[in-house]
Amino acid sequence: MTLYATRIDTPIGALTALVDEAGALARLLFPHQPAPAATPDDTRGAAVAAQLSEYFRGERRAFDLALAPAGTPFQRAVWDELRRIPYGGTVSYRALAERVGRPTASRAVGRANATNPLPIVVPCHRVIGADGSPTGYAGGIGAKTTLLALEAR
């Protein structure tokens, strides 16, 4: 699959959106994550860039994008459930495991969360520790805290 890259400046740094030929979002990378070989194409990534910009300005609470993440059926189930966490809401890893029908699989859910290729759009930042702390995040705890604070406004 050919991927096309769009850079998006945000308060948590420059994100790189990788979209397929149809413009479906395949990956969203944080500034510290190396991007695979991709052809720069801001036209194909325009919808992703626009919606992320709206989100960071506080004007968008839900994304309406074509998504094309690669993952196992279990990962996809976890990612689908992440999309059901409301804007400004949070759940624990245990609660997320219960929601996907695997109440004893908190660690597996955590791993699926950690490998989410579409952070922010598929809001893995809304999953927190049982004690309410903002644990683990591919973008770093600072980014997770910033996203949660943005949604709390």
N, C-alpha and C. Protein backbone atom coordinates (compact mmCIF):
# COMPACT_ATOMS: atom_id res chain seq x y z
N MET A 1 0.86 -1.18 0.00
CA MET A 1 0.00 0.00 0.00
C MET A 1 0.90 1.24 0.00
N THR A 2 0.60 2.16 -0.88
CA THR A 2 1.32 3.43 -0.93
C THR A 2 0.74 4.35 0.13
N LEU A 3 1.62 5.00 0.90
CA LEU A 3 1.19 5.95 1.92
C LEU A 3 1.63 7.35 1.53
N TYR A 4 0.80 8.30 1.94
CA TYR A 4 1.05 9.70 1.66
C TYR A 4 1.09 10.44 2.99
N ALA A 5 2.05 11.33 3.16
CA ALA A 5 2.30 12.00 4.44
C ALA A 5 1.87 13.46 4.43
N THR A 6 1.30 13.86 5.56
CA THR A 6 0.93 15.25 5.80
C THR A 6 1.42 15.61 7.20
N ARG A 7 2.11 16.71 7.30
CA ARG A 7 2.59 17.20 8.60
C ARG A 7 1.55 18.17 9.16
N ILE A 8 1.27 18.02 10.47
CA ILE A 8 0.26 18.85 11.12
C ILE A 8 0.88 19.43 12.38
N ASP A 9 1.01 20.75 12.44
CA ASP A 9 1.53 21.41 13.63
C ASP A 9 0.44 21.48 14.68
N THR A 10 0.77 21.05 15.91
CA THR A 10 -0.20 21.01 17.01
C THR A 10 0.48 21.48 18.29
N PRO A 11 -0.29 21.72 19.33
CA PRO A 11 0.31 22.11 20.61
C PRO A 11 1.20 21.02 21.23
N ILE A 12 1.09 19.78 20.77
CA ILE A 12 1.96 18.72 21.31
C ILE A 12 3.08 18.37 20.34
N GLY A 13 3.27 19.21 19.34
CA GLY A 13 4.34 19.01 18.37
C GLY A 13 3.78 18.67 17.00
N ALA A 14 4.68 18.53 16.05
CA ALA A 14 4.27 18.24 14.67
C ALA A 14 3.93 16.76 14.53
N LEU A 15 2.68 16.49 14.20
CA LEU A 15 2.22 15.12 13.96
C LEU A 15 2.36 14.82 12.47
N THR A 16 2.55 13.56 12.15
CA THR A 16 2.58 13.14 10.75
C THR A 16 1.42 12.19 10.52
N ALA A 17 0.54 12.59 9.61
CA ALA A 17 -0.58 11.73 9.23
C ALA A 17 -0.18 10.96 7.97
N LEU A 18 -0.37 9.66 8.02
CA LEU A 18 -0.12 8.81 6.85
C LEU A 18 -1.47 8.31 6.36
N VAL A 19 -1.79 8.64 5.13
CA VAL A 19 -3.06 8.25 4.55
C VAL A 19 -2.82 7.37 3.34
N ASP A 20 -3.83 6.58 3.00
CA ASP A 20 -3.72 5.73 1.80
C ASP A 20 -4.15 6.52 0.57
N GLU A 21 -4.22 5.85 -0.55
CA GLU A 21 -4.54 6.53 -1.81
C GLU A 21 -5.90 7.22 -1.80
N ALA A 22 -6.83 6.68 -1.02
CA ALA A 22 -8.17 7.27 -0.94
C ALA A 22 -8.27 8.34 0.14
N GLY A 23 -7.19 8.57 0.88
CA GLY A 23 -7.20 9.56 1.95
C GLY A 23 -7.60 9.01 3.30
N ALA A 24 -7.77 7.68 3.42
CA ALA A 24 -8.11 7.07 4.72
C ALA A 24 -6.88 7.09 5.61
N LEU A 25 -7.06 7.46 6.85
CA LEU A 25 -5.97 7.56 7.80
C LEU A 25 -5.48 6.18 8.21
N ALA A 26 -4.20 5.90 7.94
CA ALA A 26 -3.62 4.60 8.28
C ALA A 26 -2.77 4.68 9.55
N ARG A 27 -2.10 5.82 9.76
CA ARG A 27 -1.27 6.00 10.96
C ARG A 27 -1.18 7.48 11.28
N LEU A 28 -1.03 7.76 12.56
CA LEU A 28 -0.78 9.11 13.02
C LEU A 28 0.41 9.03 13.96
N LEU A 29 1.48 9.73 13.61
CA LEU A 29 2.74 9.61 14.34
C LEU A 29 3.03 10.86 15.15
N PHE A 30 3.56 10.63 16.35
CA PHE A 30 4.02 11.73 17.20
C PHE A 30 5.37 12.24 16.70
N PRO A 31 5.78 13.42 17.15
CA PRO A 31 7.03 14.00 16.65
C PRO A 31 8.26 13.10 16.79
N HIS A 32 8.32 12.32 17.85
CA HIS A 32 9.51 11.49 18.10
C HIS A 32 9.48 10.16 17.34
N GLN A 33 8.38 9.86 16.67
CA GLN A 33 8.26 8.60 15.95
C GLN A 33 8.72 8.77 14.50
N PRO A 34 9.63 7.93 14.05
CA PRO A 34 10.09 8.06 12.67
C PRO A 34 9.00 7.63 11.69
N ALA A 35 8.87 8.40 10.64
CA ALA A 35 7.88 8.09 9.62
C ALA A 35 8.48 7.14 8.59
N PRO A 36 7.71 6.17 8.17
CA PRO A 36 8.20 5.30 7.09
C PRO A 36 8.24 6.09 5.79
N ALA A 37 8.84 5.52 4.78
CA ALA A 37 8.88 6.18 3.47
C ALA A 37 7.45 6.45 3.01
N ALA A 38 7.19 7.68 2.70
CA ALA A 38 5.86 8.08 2.23
C ALA A 38 6.02 9.31 1.34
N THR A 39 5.12 9.45 0.42
CA THR A 39 5.13 10.59 -0.49
C THR A 39 4.41 11.76 0.18
N PRO A 40 5.04 12.92 0.28
CA PRO A 40 4.33 14.07 0.83
C PRO A 40 3.12 14.41 -0.04
N ASP A 41 1.97 14.61 0.59
CA ASP A 41 0.76 14.94 -0.15
C ASP A 41 -0.25 15.58 0.79
N ASP A 42 -0.22 16.89 0.86
CA ASP A 42 -1.14 17.60 1.75
C ASP A 42 -2.57 17.57 1.26
N THR A 43 -2.79 17.32 -0.02
CA THR A 43 -4.15 17.24 -0.55
C THR A 43 -4.85 16.00 -0.02
N ARG A 44 -4.18 14.83 -0.11
CA ARG A 44 -4.81 13.60 0.39
C ARG A 44 -5.01 13.65 1.90
N GLY A 45 -4.15 14.34 2.61
CA GLY A 45 -4.26 14.42 4.07
C GLY A 45 -5.00 15.63 4.58
N ALA A 46 -5.62 16.40 3.69
CA ALA A 46 -6.26 17.66 4.08
C ALA A 46 -7.37 17.47 5.12
N ALA A 47 -8.20 16.46 4.96
CA ALA A 47 -9.30 16.25 5.91
C ALA A 47 -8.76 15.93 7.30
N VAL A 48 -7.73 15.11 7.35
CA VAL A 48 -7.12 14.76 8.65
C VAL A 48 -6.54 16.02 9.29
N ALA A 49 -5.79 16.79 8.52
CA ALA A 49 -5.18 18.01 9.05
C ALA A 49 -6.24 18.99 9.54
N ALA A 50 -7.30 19.16 8.77
CA ALA A 50 -8.36 20.10 9.15
C ALA A 50 -9.05 19.66 10.44
N GLN A 51 -9.39 18.38 10.53
CA GLN A 51 -10.11 17.92 11.73
C GLN A 51 -9.22 17.94 12.97
N LEU A 52 -7.94 17.60 12.82
CA LEU A 52 -7.05 17.68 13.98
C LEU A 52 -6.86 19.13 14.42
N SER A 53 -6.75 20.04 13.48
CA SER A 53 -6.63 21.46 13.83
C SER A 53 -7.88 21.93 14.57
N GLU A 54 -9.05 21.53 14.11
CA GLU A 54 -10.30 21.88 14.79
C GLU A 54 -10.32 21.30 16.20
N TYR A 55 -9.88 20.06 16.34
CA TYR A 55 -9.84 19.41 17.66
C TYR A 55 -8.95 20.21 18.61
N PHE A 56 -7.76 20.57 18.16
CA PHE A 56 -6.84 21.29 19.04
C PHE A 56 -7.31 22.71 19.35
N ARG A 57 -8.15 23.28 18.51
CA ARG A 57 -8.73 24.60 18.80
C ARG A 57 -9.96 24.48 19.70
N GLY A 58 -10.37 23.26 20.04
CA GLY A 58 -11.54 23.04 20.88
C GLY A 58 -12.85 23.11 20.12
N GLU A 59 -12.78 23.04 18.78
CA GLU A 59 -13.98 23.15 17.94
C GLU A 59 -14.53 21.80 17.49
N ARG A 60 -13.81 20.72 17.74
CA ARG A 60 -14.24 19.39 17.29
C ARG A 60 -14.14 18.43 18.46
N ARG A 61 -15.21 17.68 18.69
CA ARG A 61 -15.25 16.68 19.76
C ARG A 61 -15.22 15.26 19.24
N ALA A 62 -15.53 15.06 17.97
CA ALA A 62 -15.53 13.73 17.36
C ALA A 62 -14.98 13.85 15.95
N PHE A 63 -14.27 12.83 15.53
CA PHE A 63 -13.68 12.81 14.20
C PHE A 63 -14.59 12.07 13.23
N ASP A 64 -14.64 12.58 12.03
CA ASP A 64 -15.43 11.97 10.96
C ASP A 64 -14.47 11.74 9.78
N LEU A 65 -13.65 10.72 9.92
CA LEU A 65 -12.62 10.43 8.93
C LEU A 65 -12.71 8.97 8.50
N ALA A 66 -12.31 8.70 7.28
CA ALA A 66 -12.14 7.31 6.86
C ALA A 66 -10.88 6.80 7.53
N LEU A 67 -10.96 5.63 8.15
CA LEU A 67 -9.83 5.06 8.89
C LEU A 67 -9.42 3.74 8.26
N ALA A 68 -8.10 3.50 8.27
CA ALA A 68 -7.57 2.26 7.70
C ALA A 68 -6.44 1.71 8.58
N PRO A 69 -6.71 1.48 9.88
CA PRO A 69 -5.64 0.95 10.74
C PRO A 69 -5.44 -0.54 10.52
N ALA A 70 -4.20 -0.96 10.59
CA ALA A 70 -3.89 -2.39 10.48
C ALA A 70 -3.79 -2.95 11.89
N GLY A 71 -4.46 -4.08 12.14
CA GLY A 71 -4.40 -4.70 13.46
C GLY A 71 -5.13 -6.02 13.49
N THR A 72 -4.92 -6.74 14.57
CA THR A 72 -5.59 -8.03 14.77
C THR A 72 -7.06 -7.79 15.12
N PRO A 73 -7.88 -8.83 15.04
CA PRO A 73 -9.28 -8.65 15.43
C PRO A 73 -9.42 -8.15 16.89
N PHE A 74 -8.58 -8.65 17.80
CA PHE A 74 -8.65 -8.18 19.18
C PHE A 74 -8.27 -6.70 19.27
N GLN A 75 -7.18 -6.31 18.62
CA GLN A 75 -6.78 -4.90 18.63
C GLN A 75 -7.89 -4.02 18.07
N ARG A 76 -8.48 -4.45 16.99
CA ARG A 76 -9.55 -3.67 16.37
C ARG A 76 -10.75 -3.53 17.31
N ALA A 77 -11.05 -4.60 18.06
CA ALA A 77 -12.15 -4.53 19.02
C ALA A 77 -11.85 -3.50 20.10
N VAL A 78 -10.61 -3.49 20.58
CA VAL A 78 -10.20 -2.51 21.60
C VAL A 78 -10.29 -1.10 21.00
N TRP A 79 -9.76 -0.93 19.80
CA TRP A 79 -9.77 0.40 19.17
C TRP A 79 -11.19 0.88 18.90
N ASP A 80 -12.07 -0.03 18.52
CA ASP A 80 -13.47 0.35 18.31
C ASP A 80 -14.09 0.83 19.62
N GLU A 81 -13.74 0.14 20.71
CA GLU A 81 -14.28 0.54 22.01
C GLU A 81 -13.71 1.88 22.46
N LEU A 82 -12.46 2.15 22.13
CA LEU A 82 -11.86 3.45 22.46
C LEU A 82 -12.67 4.59 21.84
N ARG A 83 -13.17 4.36 20.64
CA ARG A 83 -13.93 5.40 19.94
C ARG A 83 -15.27 5.67 20.62
N ARG A 84 -15.69 4.79 21.51
CA ARG A 84 -16.95 4.97 22.23
C ARG A 84 -16.77 5.76 23.53
N ILE A 85 -15.54 6.01 23.93
CA ILE A 85 -15.30 6.81 25.14
C ILE A 85 -15.62 8.26 24.78
N PRO A 86 -16.54 8.88 25.48
CA PRO A 86 -16.93 10.23 25.09
C PRO A 86 -15.82 11.26 25.30
N TYR A 87 -15.87 12.30 24.50
CA TYR A 87 -14.96 13.44 24.63
C TYR A 87 -14.97 13.92 26.08
N GLY A 88 -13.81 14.08 26.64
CA GLY A 88 -13.71 14.54 28.03
C GLY A 88 -13.86 13.43 29.05
N GLY A 89 -14.20 12.23 28.62
CA GLY A 89 -14.36 11.11 29.53
C GLY A 89 -13.09 10.29 29.62
N THR A 90 -13.02 9.44 30.63
CA THR A 90 -11.91 8.52 30.78
C THR A 90 -12.44 7.18 31.28
N VAL A 91 -11.67 6.13 31.02
CA VAL A 91 -11.96 4.82 31.58
C VAL A 91 -10.64 4.19 32.00
N SER A 92 -10.72 3.23 32.90
CA SER A 92 -9.52 2.51 33.31
C SER A 92 -9.27 1.36 32.33
N TYR A 93 -8.07 0.82 32.38
CA TYR A 93 -7.75 -0.34 31.55
C TYR A 93 -8.68 -1.51 31.89
N ARG A 94 -8.98 -1.68 33.16
CA ARG A 94 -9.88 -2.76 33.58
C ARG A 94 -11.27 -2.57 33.00
N ALA A 95 -11.78 -1.34 33.08
CA ALA A 95 -13.11 -1.06 32.52
C ALA A 95 -13.13 -1.28 31.01
N LEU A 96 -12.05 -0.92 30.34
CA LEU A 96 -11.97 -1.14 28.90
C LEU A 96 -11.96 -2.64 28.59
N ALA A 97 -11.22 -3.40 29.39
CA ALA A 97 -11.20 -4.86 29.21
C ALA A 97 -12.60 -5.44 29.38
N GLU A 98 -13.33 -4.95 30.36
CA GLU A 98 -14.70 -5.42 30.57
C GLU A 98 -15.59 -5.06 29.38
N ARG A 99 -15.40 -3.88 28.84
CA ARG A 99 -16.20 -3.42 27.70
C ARG A 99 -15.99 -4.27 26.45
N VAL A 100 -14.78 -4.82 26.29
CA VAL A 100 -14.53 -5.67 25.11
C VAL A 100 -14.80 -7.14 25.41
N GLY A 101 -15.37 -7.41 26.58
CA GLY A 101 -15.76 -8.78 26.92
C GLY A 101 -14.62 -9.65 27.40
N ARG A 102 -13.52 -9.05 27.85
CA ARG A 102 -12.36 -9.80 28.35
C ARG A 102 -11.94 -9.20 29.69
N PRO A 103 -12.76 -9.37 30.73
CA PRO A 103 -12.53 -8.68 32.00
C PRO A 103 -11.19 -8.99 32.68
N THR A 104 -10.57 -10.10 32.35
CA THR A 104 -9.28 -10.42 32.97
C THR A 104 -8.10 -10.07 32.07
N ALA A 105 -8.36 -9.37 30.98
CA ALA A 105 -7.32 -9.09 29.99
C ALA A 105 -6.85 -7.63 30.01
N SER A 106 -6.73 -7.05 31.19
CA SER A 106 -6.31 -5.65 31.28
C SER A 106 -4.96 -5.41 30.61
N ARG A 107 -4.03 -6.34 30.79
CA ARG A 107 -2.70 -6.16 30.18
C ARG A 107 -2.77 -6.25 28.66
N ALA A 108 -3.54 -7.18 28.14
CA ALA A 108 -3.69 -7.31 26.69
C ALA A 108 -4.37 -6.07 26.11
N VAL A 109 -5.34 -5.54 26.84
CA VAL A 109 -6.00 -4.31 26.42
C VAL A 109 -5.00 -3.16 26.45
N GLY A 110 -4.17 -3.12 27.47
CA GLY A 110 -3.13 -2.09 27.56
C GLY A 110 -2.17 -2.16 26.38
N ARG A 111 -1.82 -3.38 25.99
CA ARG A 111 -0.91 -3.56 24.85
C ARG A 111 -1.59 -3.11 23.55
N ALA A 112 -2.85 -3.47 23.37
CA ALA A 112 -3.59 -3.03 22.19
C ALA A 112 -3.69 -1.50 22.16
N ASN A 113 -3.89 -0.93 23.33
CA ASN A 113 -3.96 0.52 23.45
C ASN A 113 -2.62 1.14 23.05
N ALA A 114 -1.53 0.54 23.50
CA ALA A 114 -0.18 1.06 23.22
C ALA A 114 0.18 0.96 21.74
N THR A 115 -0.43 0.03 21.03
CA THR A 115 -0.11 -0.15 19.62
C THR A 115 -1.14 0.51 18.69
N ASN A 116 -2.02 1.30 19.26
CA ASN A 116 -3.02 2.02 18.49
C ASN A 116 -2.32 2.90 17.45
N PRO A 117 -2.53 2.65 16.15
CA PRO A 117 -1.85 3.43 15.13
C PRO A 117 -2.48 4.81 14.87
N LEU A 118 -3.62 5.08 15.52
CA LEU A 118 -4.34 6.33 15.26
C LEU A 118 -4.62 7.11 16.55
N PRO A 119 -3.57 7.40 17.33
CA PRO A 119 -3.82 8.12 18.58
C PRO A 119 -4.53 9.46 18.31
N ILE A 120 -5.22 9.92 19.30
CA ILE A 120 -6.04 11.13 19.28
C ILE A 120 -7.34 10.85 18.52
N VAL A 121 -7.27 10.44 17.27
CA VAL A 121 -8.47 10.14 16.50
C VAL A 121 -9.18 8.92 17.11
N VAL A 122 -8.43 7.90 17.44
CA VAL A 122 -8.92 6.77 18.23
C VAL A 122 -8.33 7.03 19.62
N PRO A 123 -9.13 7.61 20.52
CA PRO A 123 -8.62 8.29 21.71
C PRO A 123 -8.08 7.41 22.84
N CYS A 124 -6.93 6.82 22.60
CA CYS A 124 -6.31 5.99 23.63
C CYS A 124 -5.83 6.83 24.82
N HIS A 125 -5.72 8.15 24.65
CA HIS A 125 -5.32 9.02 25.75
C HIS A 125 -6.40 9.07 26.84
N ARG A 126 -7.59 8.60 26.55
CA ARG A 126 -8.68 8.62 27.52
C ARG A 126 -8.67 7.40 28.45
N VAL A 127 -7.69 6.53 28.28
CA VAL A 127 -7.56 5.37 29.16
C VAL A 127 -6.52 5.70 30.22
N ILE A 128 -6.93 5.55 31.48
CA ILE A 128 -6.07 5.95 32.60
C ILE A 128 -5.92 4.78 33.58
N GLY A 129 -5.01 4.95 34.52
CA GLY A 129 -4.80 3.94 35.54
C GLY A 129 -5.99 3.83 36.48
N ALA A 130 -6.05 2.73 37.19
CA ALA A 130 -7.16 2.49 38.13
C ALA A 130 -7.25 3.59 39.19
N ASP A 131 -6.10 4.20 39.51
CA ASP A 131 -6.08 5.26 40.52
C ASP A 131 -6.35 6.64 39.93
N GLY A 132 -6.67 6.69 38.63
CA GLY A 132 -6.98 7.95 37.97
C GLY A 132 -5.78 8.66 37.38
N SER A 133 -4.61 8.05 37.47
CA SER A 133 -3.40 8.69 36.95
C SER A 133 -3.27 8.47 35.45
N PRO A 134 -2.65 9.43 34.76
CA PRO A 134 -2.45 9.31 33.31
C PRO A 134 -1.24 8.43 33.01
N THR A 135 -1.44 7.12 33.04
CA THR A 135 -0.33 6.19 32.83
C THR A 135 -0.07 5.96 31.36
N GLY A 136 1.17 5.65 31.02
CA GLY A 136 1.62 5.27 29.69
C GLY A 136 0.91 5.90 28.51
N TYR A 137 1.68 6.39 27.56
CA TYR A 137 1.12 6.94 26.34
C TYR A 137 2.24 7.04 25.32
N ALA A 138 1.96 6.61 24.10
CA ALA A 138 2.99 6.61 23.06
C ALA A 138 3.53 8.01 22.79
N GLY A 139 2.73 9.02 23.00
CA GLY A 139 3.16 10.40 22.79
C GLY A 139 3.83 11.00 24.01
N GLY A 140 3.88 10.24 25.11
CA GLY A 140 4.45 10.74 26.35
C GLY A 140 3.36 11.22 27.30
N ILE A 141 3.66 11.15 28.58
CA ILE A 141 2.68 11.56 29.60
C ILE A 141 2.32 13.04 29.46
N GLY A 142 3.28 13.87 29.07
CA GLY A 142 2.99 15.30 28.88
C GLY A 142 1.93 15.51 27.81
N ALA A 143 2.04 14.80 26.71
CA ALA A 143 1.05 14.92 25.63
C ALA A 143 -0.31 14.41 26.11
N LYS A 144 -0.30 13.29 26.83
CA LYS A 144 -1.56 12.73 27.33
C LYS A 144 -2.24 13.72 28.27
N THR A 145 -1.47 14.30 29.17
CA THR A 145 -2.01 15.29 30.12
C THR A 145 -2.56 16.50 29.38
N THR A 146 -1.86 16.95 28.35
CA THR A 146 -2.32 18.08 27.55
C THR A 146 -3.65 17.76 26.86
N LEU A 147 -3.75 16.56 26.27
CA LEU A 147 -4.99 16.17 25.59
C LEU A 147 -6.15 16.07 26.57
N LEU A 148 -5.91 15.47 27.73
CA LEU A 148 -6.98 15.37 28.73
C LEU A 148 -7.41 16.74 29.23
N ALA A 149 -6.45 17.64 29.41
CA ALA A 149 -6.77 19.00 29.86
C ALA A 149 -7.55 19.76 28.79
N LEU A 150 -7.17 19.59 27.52
CA LEU A 150 -7.88 20.22 26.42
C LEU A 150 -9.34 19.78 26.42
N GLU A 151 -9.57 18.50 26.63
CA GLU A 151 -10.94 17.98 26.62
C GLU A 151 -11.72 18.33 27.89
N ALA A 152 -11.02 18.65 28.96
CA ALA A 152 -11.69 19.00 30.21
C ALA A 152 -12.23 20.41 30.19
N ARG A 153 -11.76 21.23 29.24
CA ARG A 153 -12.22 22.63 29.18
C ARG A 153 -13.64 22.73 28.74
